[in-house]
Amino acid sequence: MNRKKKIKETLKKKAKKANAKLHKSNKPRYISKAEREKLALAAGQGEMQTEAATEEGVKQTTQAQAQSE
């Protein structure tokens, strides 16, 4: 009896592991605190660069409009 039970348990474990591999979790990947800070700094620098670029673009368009008048 014990031998049959042991075999059933091992087969159940294998089936459970195989089934778990098929169904991936929708949980987002963990991002450490240090990585979040790096991403925030990079995003902040990116925003500053885009703001500076848009300001320059606005200045150039106003200058072009002034020259055309």
PDB file of N, CA and C in Angstrom:
ATOM      1  N   MET A   1       0.813  -1.185   0.000  1.00  0.00           N
ATOM      2  CA  MET A   1       0.000   0.000   0.000  1.00  0.00           C
ATOM      3  C   MET A   1       0.862   1.257   0.000  1.00  0.00           C
ATOM      4  N   ASN A   2       1.888   1.273   0.826  1.00  0.00           N
ATOM      5  CA  ASN A   2       2.740   2.442   0.905  1.00  0.00           C
ATOM      6  C   ASN A   2       3.469   2.716  -0.404  1.00  0.00           C
ATOM      7  N   ARG A   3       3.867   1.628  -1.084  1.00  0.00           N
ATOM      8  CA  ARG A   3       4.582   1.792  -2.339  1.00  0.00           C
ATOM      9  C   ARG A   3       3.685   2.460  -3.384  1.00  0.00           C
ATOM     10  N   LYS A   4       2.435   2.025  -3.474  1.00  0.00           N
ATOM     11  CA  LYS A   4       1.479   2.613  -4.414  1.00  0.00           C
ATOM     12  C   LYS A   4       1.230   4.079  -4.073  1.00  0.00           C
ATOM     13  N   LYS A   5       1.088   4.369  -2.811  1.00  0.00           N
ATOM     14  CA  LYS A   5       0.840   5.744  -2.363  1.00  0.00           C
ATOM     15  C   LYS A   5       2.017   6.641  -2.740  1.00  0.00           C
ATOM     16  N   LYS A   6       3.209   6.163  -2.523  1.00  0.00           N
ATOM     17  CA  LYS A   6       4.411   6.934  -2.837  1.00  0.00           C
ATOM     18  C   LYS A   6       4.496   7.220  -4.337  1.00  0.00           C
ATOM     19  N   ILE A   7       4.193   6.215  -5.153  1.00  0.00           N
ATOM     20  CA  ILE A   7       4.224   6.392  -6.605  1.00  0.00           C
ATOM     21  C   ILE A   7       3.183   7.413  -7.035  1.00  0.00           C
ATOM     22  N   LYS A   8       1.984   7.318  -6.485  1.00  0.00           N
ATOM     23  CA  LYS A   8       0.927   8.282  -6.813  1.00  0.00           C
ATOM     24  C   LYS A   8       1.346   9.703  -6.442  1.00  0.00           C
ATOM     25  N   GLU A   9       1.940   9.855  -5.269  1.00  0.00           N
ATOM     26  CA  GLU A   9       2.369  11.182  -4.810  1.00  0.00           C
ATOM     27  C   GLU A   9       3.415  11.778  -5.740  1.00  0.00           C
ATOM     28  N   THR A  10       4.389  10.953  -6.149  1.00  0.00           N
ATOM     29  CA  THR A  10       5.427  11.479  -7.036  1.00  0.00           C
ATOM     30  C   THR A  10       4.854  11.858  -8.394  1.00  0.00           C
ATOM     31  N   LEU A  11       3.915  11.059  -8.911  1.00  0.00           N
ATOM     32  CA  LEU A  11       3.282  11.388 -10.182  1.00  0.00           C
ATOM     33  C   LEU A  11       2.441  12.664 -10.062  1.00  0.00           C
ATOM     34  N   LYS A  12       1.757  12.833  -8.942  1.00  0.00           N
ATOM     35  CA  LYS A  12       0.967  14.049  -8.710  1.00  0.00           C
ATOM     36  C   LYS A  12       1.876  15.278  -8.659  1.00  0.00           C
ATOM     37  N   LYS A  13       3.010  15.144  -7.986  1.00  0.00           N
ATOM     38  CA  LYS A  13       3.951  16.261  -7.886  1.00  0.00           C
ATOM     39  C   LYS A  13       4.458  16.669  -9.264  1.00  0.00           C
ATOM     40  N   LYS A  14       4.812  15.672 -10.084  1.00  0.00           N
ATOM     41  CA  LYS A  14       5.299  15.971 -11.432  1.00  0.00           C
ATOM     42  C   LYS A  14       4.227  16.661 -12.265  1.00  0.00           C
ATOM     43  N   ALA A  15       2.999  16.167 -12.157  1.00  0.00           N
ATOM     44  CA  ALA A  15       1.895  16.757 -12.917  1.00  0.00           C
ATOM     45  C   ALA A  15       1.624  18.184 -12.447  1.00  0.00           C
ATOM     46  N   LYS A  16       1.697  18.393 -11.159  1.00  0.00           N
ATOM     47  CA  LYS A  16       1.456  19.726 -10.601  1.00  0.00           C
ATOM     48  C   LYS A  16       2.520  20.714 -11.077  1.00  0.00           C
ATOM     49  N   LYS A  17       3.778  20.283 -11.094  1.00  0.00           N
ATOM     50  CA  LYS A  17       4.863  21.158 -11.568  1.00  0.00           C
ATOM     51  C   LYS A  17       4.699  21.475 -13.042  1.00  0.00           C
ATOM     52  N   ALA A  18       4.333  20.477 -13.839  1.00  0.00           N
ATOM     53  CA  ALA A  18       4.145  20.698 -15.275  1.00  0.00           C
ATOM     54  C   ALA A  18       2.993  21.659 -15.520  1.00  0.00           C
ATOM     55  N   ASN A  19       1.924  21.519 -14.756  1.00  0.00           N
ATOM     56  CA  ASN A  19       0.774  22.400 -14.890  1.00  0.00           C
ATOM     57  C   ASN A  19       1.126  23.822 -14.464  1.00  0.00           C
ATOM     58  N   ALA A  20       1.936  23.963 -13.459  1.00  0.00           N
ATOM     59  CA  ALA A  20       2.333  25.287 -12.980  1.00  0.00           C
ATOM     60  C   ALA A  20       3.182  26.006 -14.014  1.00  0.00           C
ATOM     61  N   LYS A  21       3.987  25.274 -14.759  1.00  0.00           N
ATOM     62  CA  LYS A  21       4.818  25.890 -15.791  1.00  0.00           C
ATOM     63  C   LYS A  21       3.971  26.421 -16.941  1.00  0.00           C
ATOM     64  N   LEU A  22       2.857  25.777 -17.202  1.00  0.00           N
ATOM     65  CA  LEU A  22       1.985  26.212 -18.297  1.00  0.00           C
ATOM     66  C   LEU A  22       1.286  27.535 -17.985  1.00  0.00           C
ATOM     67  N   HIS A  23       0.946  27.745 -16.735  1.00  0.00           N
ATOM     68  CA  HIS A  23       0.195  28.932 -16.345  1.00  0.00           C
ATOM     69  C   HIS A  23       1.127  29.946 -15.692  1.00  0.00           C
ATOM     70  N   LYS A  24       1.533  30.917 -16.485  1.00  0.00           N
ATOM     71  CA  LYS A  24       2.422  31.958 -15.968  1.00  0.00           C
ATOM     72  C   LYS A  24       1.609  32.954 -15.151  1.00  0.00           C
ATOM     73  N   SER A  25       2.235  33.545 -14.200  1.00  0.00           N
ATOM     74  CA  SER A  25       1.587  34.519 -13.336  1.00  0.00           C
ATOM     75  C   SER A  25       1.502  35.872 -14.027  1.00  0.00           C
ATOM     76  N   ASN A  26       0.446  36.613 -13.759  1.00  0.00           N
ATOM     77  CA  ASN A  26       0.286  37.960 -14.301  1.00  0.00           C
ATOM     78  C   ASN A  26       0.911  39.006 -13.384  1.00  0.00           C
ATOM     79  N   LYS A  27       1.518  38.537 -12.334  1.00  0.00           N
ATOM     80  CA  LYS A  27       2.134  39.429 -11.373  1.00  0.00           C
ATOM     81  C   LYS A  27       3.333  40.132 -12.013  1.00  0.00           C
ATOM     82  N   PRO A  28       3.454  41.455 -11.842  1.00  0.00           N
ATOM     83  CA  PRO A  28       4.590  42.158 -12.444  1.00  0.00           C
ATOM     84  C   PRO A  28       5.909  41.773 -11.777  1.00  0.00           C
ATOM     85  N   ARG A  29       6.994  41.906 -12.532  1.00  0.00           N
ATOM     86  CA  ARG A  29       8.316  41.559 -12.032  1.00  0.00           C
ATOM     87  C   ARG A  29       8.722  42.536 -10.936  1.00  0.00           C
ATOM     88  N   TYR A  30       9.374  42.031  -9.896  1.00  0.00           N
ATOM     89  CA  TYR A  30       9.810  42.877  -8.783  1.00  0.00           C
ATOM     90  C   TYR A  30      10.954  43.768  -9.224  1.00  0.00           C
ATOM     91  N   ILE A  31      10.854  45.050  -8.884  1.00  0.00           N
ATOM     92  CA  ILE A  31      11.916  46.008  -9.179  1.00  0.00           C
ATOM     93  C   ILE A  31      12.433  46.528  -7.845  1.00  0.00           C
ATOM     94  N   SER A  32      13.731  46.380  -7.619  1.00  0.00           N
ATOM     95  CA  SER A  32      14.304  46.770  -6.339  1.00  0.00           C
ATOM     96  C   SER A  32      14.269  48.287  -6.175  1.00  0.00           C
ATOM     97  N   LYS A  33      14.437  48.719  -4.952  1.00  0.00           N
ATOM     98  CA  LYS A  33      14.387  50.145  -4.635  1.00  0.00           C
ATOM     99  C   LYS A  33      15.480  50.910  -5.377  1.00  0.00           C
ATOM    100  N   ALA A  34      16.675  50.329  -5.475  1.00  0.00           N
ATOM    101  CA  ALA A  34      17.788  50.978  -6.167  1.00  0.00           C
ATOM    102  C   ALA A  34      17.473  51.136  -7.654  1.00  0.00           C
ATOM    103  N   GLU A  35      16.881  50.093  -8.244  1.00  0.00           N
ATOM    104  CA  GLU A  35      16.534  50.178  -9.659  1.00  0.00           C
ATOM    105  C   GLU A  35      15.457  51.227  -9.898  1.00  0.00           C
ATOM    106  N   ARG A  36      14.491  51.322  -8.975  1.00  0.00           N
ATOM    107  CA  ARG A  36      13.435  52.336  -9.121  1.00  0.00           C
ATOM    108  C   ARG A  36      14.024  53.728  -9.067  1.00  0.00           C
ATOM    109  N   GLU A  37      14.995  53.946  -8.185  1.00  0.00           N
ATOM    110  CA  GLU A  37      15.645  55.254  -8.098  1.00  0.00           C
ATOM    111  C   GLU A  37      16.395  55.578  -9.390  1.00  0.00           C
ATOM    112  N   LYS A  38      17.084  54.583  -9.947  1.00  0.00           N
ATOM    113  CA  LYS A  38      17.801  54.795 -11.204  1.00  0.00           C
ATOM    114  C   LYS A  38      16.829  55.157 -12.321  1.00  0.00           C
ATOM    115  N   LEU A  39      15.704  54.435 -12.384  1.00  0.00           N
ATOM    116  CA  LEU A  39      14.711  54.717 -13.411  1.00  0.00           C
ATOM    117  C   LEU A  39      14.116  56.110 -13.237  1.00  0.00           C
ATOM    118  N   ALA A  40      13.889  56.503 -11.978  1.00  0.00           N
ATOM    119  CA  ALA A  40      13.332  57.827 -11.727  1.00  0.00           C
ATOM    120  C   ALA A  40      14.320  58.915 -12.142  1.00  0.00           C
ATOM    121  N   LEU A  41      15.603  58.707 -11.852  1.00  0.00           N
ATOM    122  CA  LEU A  41      16.616  59.687 -12.251  1.00  0.00           C
ATOM    123  C   LEU A  41      16.705  59.777 -13.773  1.00  0.00           C
ATOM    124  N   ALA A  42      16.673  58.627 -14.423  1.00  0.00           N
ATOM    125  CA  ALA A  42      16.746  58.621 -15.884  1.00  0.00           C
ATOM    126  C   ALA A  42      15.524  59.299 -16.483  1.00  0.00           C
ATOM    127  N   ALA A  43      14.373  59.060 -15.904  1.00  0.00           N
ATOM    128  CA  ALA A  43      13.148  59.684 -16.404  1.00  0.00           C
ATOM    129  C   ALA A  43      13.196  61.189 -16.164  1.00  0.00           C
ATOM    130  N   GLY A  44      13.720  61.595 -15.016  1.00  0.00           N
ATOM    131  CA  GLY A  44      13.839  63.017 -14.713  1.00  0.00           C
ATOM    132  C   GLY A  44      14.775  63.715 -15.677  1.00  0.00           C
ATOM    133  N   GLN A  45      15.882  63.071 -16.004  1.00  0.00           N
ATOM    134  CA  GLN A  45      16.825  63.652 -16.954  1.00  0.00           C
ATOM    135  C   GLN A  45      16.211  63.686 -18.344  1.00  0.00           C
ATOM    136  N   GLY A  46      15.466  62.673 -18.691  1.00  0.00           N
ATOM    137  CA  GLY A  46      14.809  62.624 -19.986  1.00  0.00           C
ATOM    138  C   GLY A  46      13.777  63.738 -20.113  1.00  0.00           C
ATOM    139  N   GLU A  47      13.035  64.003 -19.032  1.00  0.00           N
ATOM    140  CA  GLU A  47      12.050  65.074 -19.045  1.00  0.00           C
ATOM    141  C   GLU A  47      12.737  66.423 -19.194  1.00  0.00           C
ATOM    142  N   MET A  48      13.848  66.588 -18.503  1.00  0.00           N
ATOM    143  CA  MET A  48      14.569  67.856 -18.584  1.00  0.00           C
ATOM    144  C   MET A  48      15.069  68.074 -20.011  1.00  0.00           C
ATOM    145  N   GLN A  49      15.553  67.017 -20.647  1.00  0.00           N
ATOM    146  CA  GLN A  49      16.051  67.139 -22.012  1.00  0.00           C
ATOM    147  C   GLN A  49      14.909  67.455 -22.972  1.00  0.00           C
ATOM    148  N   THR A  50      13.762  66.819 -22.783  1.00  0.00           N
ATOM    149  CA  THR A  50      12.633  67.081 -23.681  1.00  0.00           C
ATOM    150  C   THR A  50      12.091  68.483 -23.459  1.00  0.00           C
ATOM    151  N   GLU A  51      12.065  68.952 -22.213  1.00  0.00           N
ATOM    152  CA  GLU A  51      11.605  70.310 -21.945  1.00  0.00           C
ATOM    153  C   GLU A  51      12.540  71.323 -22.602  1.00  0.00           C
ATOM    154  N   ALA A  52      13.838  71.090 -22.482  1.00  0.00           N
ATOM    155  CA  ALA A  52      14.809  71.996 -23.087  1.00  0.00           C
ATOM    156  C   ALA A  52      14.668  71.980 -24.604  1.00  0.00           C
ATOM    157  N   ALA A  53      14.451  70.815 -25.177  1.00  0.00           N
ATOM    158  CA  ALA A  53      14.310  70.701 -26.628  1.00  0.00           C
ATOM    159  C   ALA A  53      13.041  71.407 -27.099  1.00  0.00           C
ATOM    160  N   THR A  54      11.954  71.281 -26.348  1.00  0.00           N
ATOM    161  CA  THR A  54      10.715  71.941 -26.757  1.00  0.00           C
ATOM    162  C   THR A  54      10.838  73.454 -26.618  1.00  0.00           C
ATOM    163  N   GLU A  55      11.525  73.904 -25.578  1.00  0.00           N
ATOM    164  CA  GLU A  55      11.735  75.344 -25.420  1.00  0.00           C
ATOM    165  C   GLU A  55      12.560  75.894 -26.583  1.00  0.00           C
ATOM    166  N   GLU A  56      13.595  75.169 -26.979  1.00  0.00           N
ATOM    167  CA  GLU A  56      14.423  75.594 -28.115  1.00  0.00           C
ATOM    168  C   GLU A  56      13.601  75.589 -29.398  1.00  0.00           C
ATOM    169  N   GLY A  57      12.757  74.600 -29.546  1.00  0.00           N
ATOM    170  CA  GLY A  57      11.911  74.516 -30.730  1.00  0.00           C
ATOM    171  C   GLY A  57      10.941  75.677 -30.803  1.00  0.00           C
ATOM    172  N   VAL A  58      10.385  76.061 -29.658  1.00  0.00           N
ATOM    173  CA  VAL A  58       9.463  77.196 -29.614  1.00  0.00           C
ATOM    174  C   VAL A  58      10.213  78.479 -29.952  1.00  0.00           C
ATOM    175  N   LYS A  59      11.409  78.637 -29.421  1.00  0.00           N
ATOM    176  CA  LYS A  59      12.211  79.830 -29.707  1.00  0.00           C
ATOM    177  C   LYS A  59      12.529  79.917 -31.196  1.00  0.00           C
ATOM    178  N   GLN A  60      12.877  78.787 -31.790  1.00  0.00           N
ATOM    179  CA  GLN A  60      13.218  78.771 -33.213  1.00  0.00           C
ATOM    180  C   GLN A  60      12.008  79.112 -34.070  1.00  0.00           C
ATOM    181  N   THR A  61      10.851  78.611 -33.719  1.00  0.00           N
ATOM    182  CA  THR A  61       9.659  78.900 -34.515  1.00  0.00           C
ATOM    183  C   THR A  61       9.254  80.357 -34.375  1.00  0.00           C
ATOM    184  N   THR A  62       9.398  80.912 -33.175  1.00  0.00           N
ATOM    185  CA  THR A  62       9.051  82.328 -33.006  1.00  0.00           C
ATOM    186  C   THR A  62      10.032  83.211 -33.762  1.00  0.00           C
ATOM    187  N   GLN A  63      11.305  82.816 -33.763  1.00  0.00           N
ATOM    188  CA  GLN A  63      12.300  83.567 -34.501  1.00  0.00           C
ATOM    189  C   GLN A  63      12.033  83.487 -36.007  1.00  0.00           C
ATOM    190  N   ALA A  64      11.654  82.315 -36.486  1.00  0.00           N
ATOM    191  CA  ALA A  64      11.363  82.143 -37.916  1.00  0.00           C
ATOM    192  C   ALA A  64      10.143  82.956 -38.303  1.00  0.00           C
ATOM    193  N   GLN A  65       9.146  83.010 -37.441  1.00  0.00           N
ATOM    194  CA  GLN A  65       7.949  83.796 -37.723  1.00  0.00           C
ATOM    195  C   GLN A  65       8.280  85.281 -37.733  1.00  0.00           C
ATOM    196  N   ALA A  66       9.123  85.689 -36.804  1.00  0.00           N
ATOM    197  CA  ALA A  66       9.511  87.106 -36.760  1.00  0.00           C
ATOM    198  C   ALA A  66      10.297  87.492 -37.986  1.00  0.00           C
ATOM    199  N   GLN A  67      11.147  86.624 -38.474  1.00  0.00           N
ATOM    200  CA  GLN A  67      11.938  86.920 -39.664  1.00  0.00           C
ATOM    201  C   GLN A  67      11.062  86.950 -40.918  1.00  0.00           C
ATOM    202  N   SER A  68      10.037  86.125 -40.963  1.00  0.00           N
ATOM    203  CA  SER A  68       9.200  86.081 -42.149  1.00  0.00           C
ATOM    204  C   SER A  68       8.289  87.304 -42.237  1.00  0.00           C
ATOM    205  N   GLU A  69       8.017  87.943 -41.103  1.00  0.00           N
ATOM    206  CA  GLU A  69       7.169  89.147 -41.097  1.00  0.00           C
ATOM    207  C   GLU A  69       7.990  90.305 -41.463  1.00  0.00           C
TER     208      GLU A  69
END
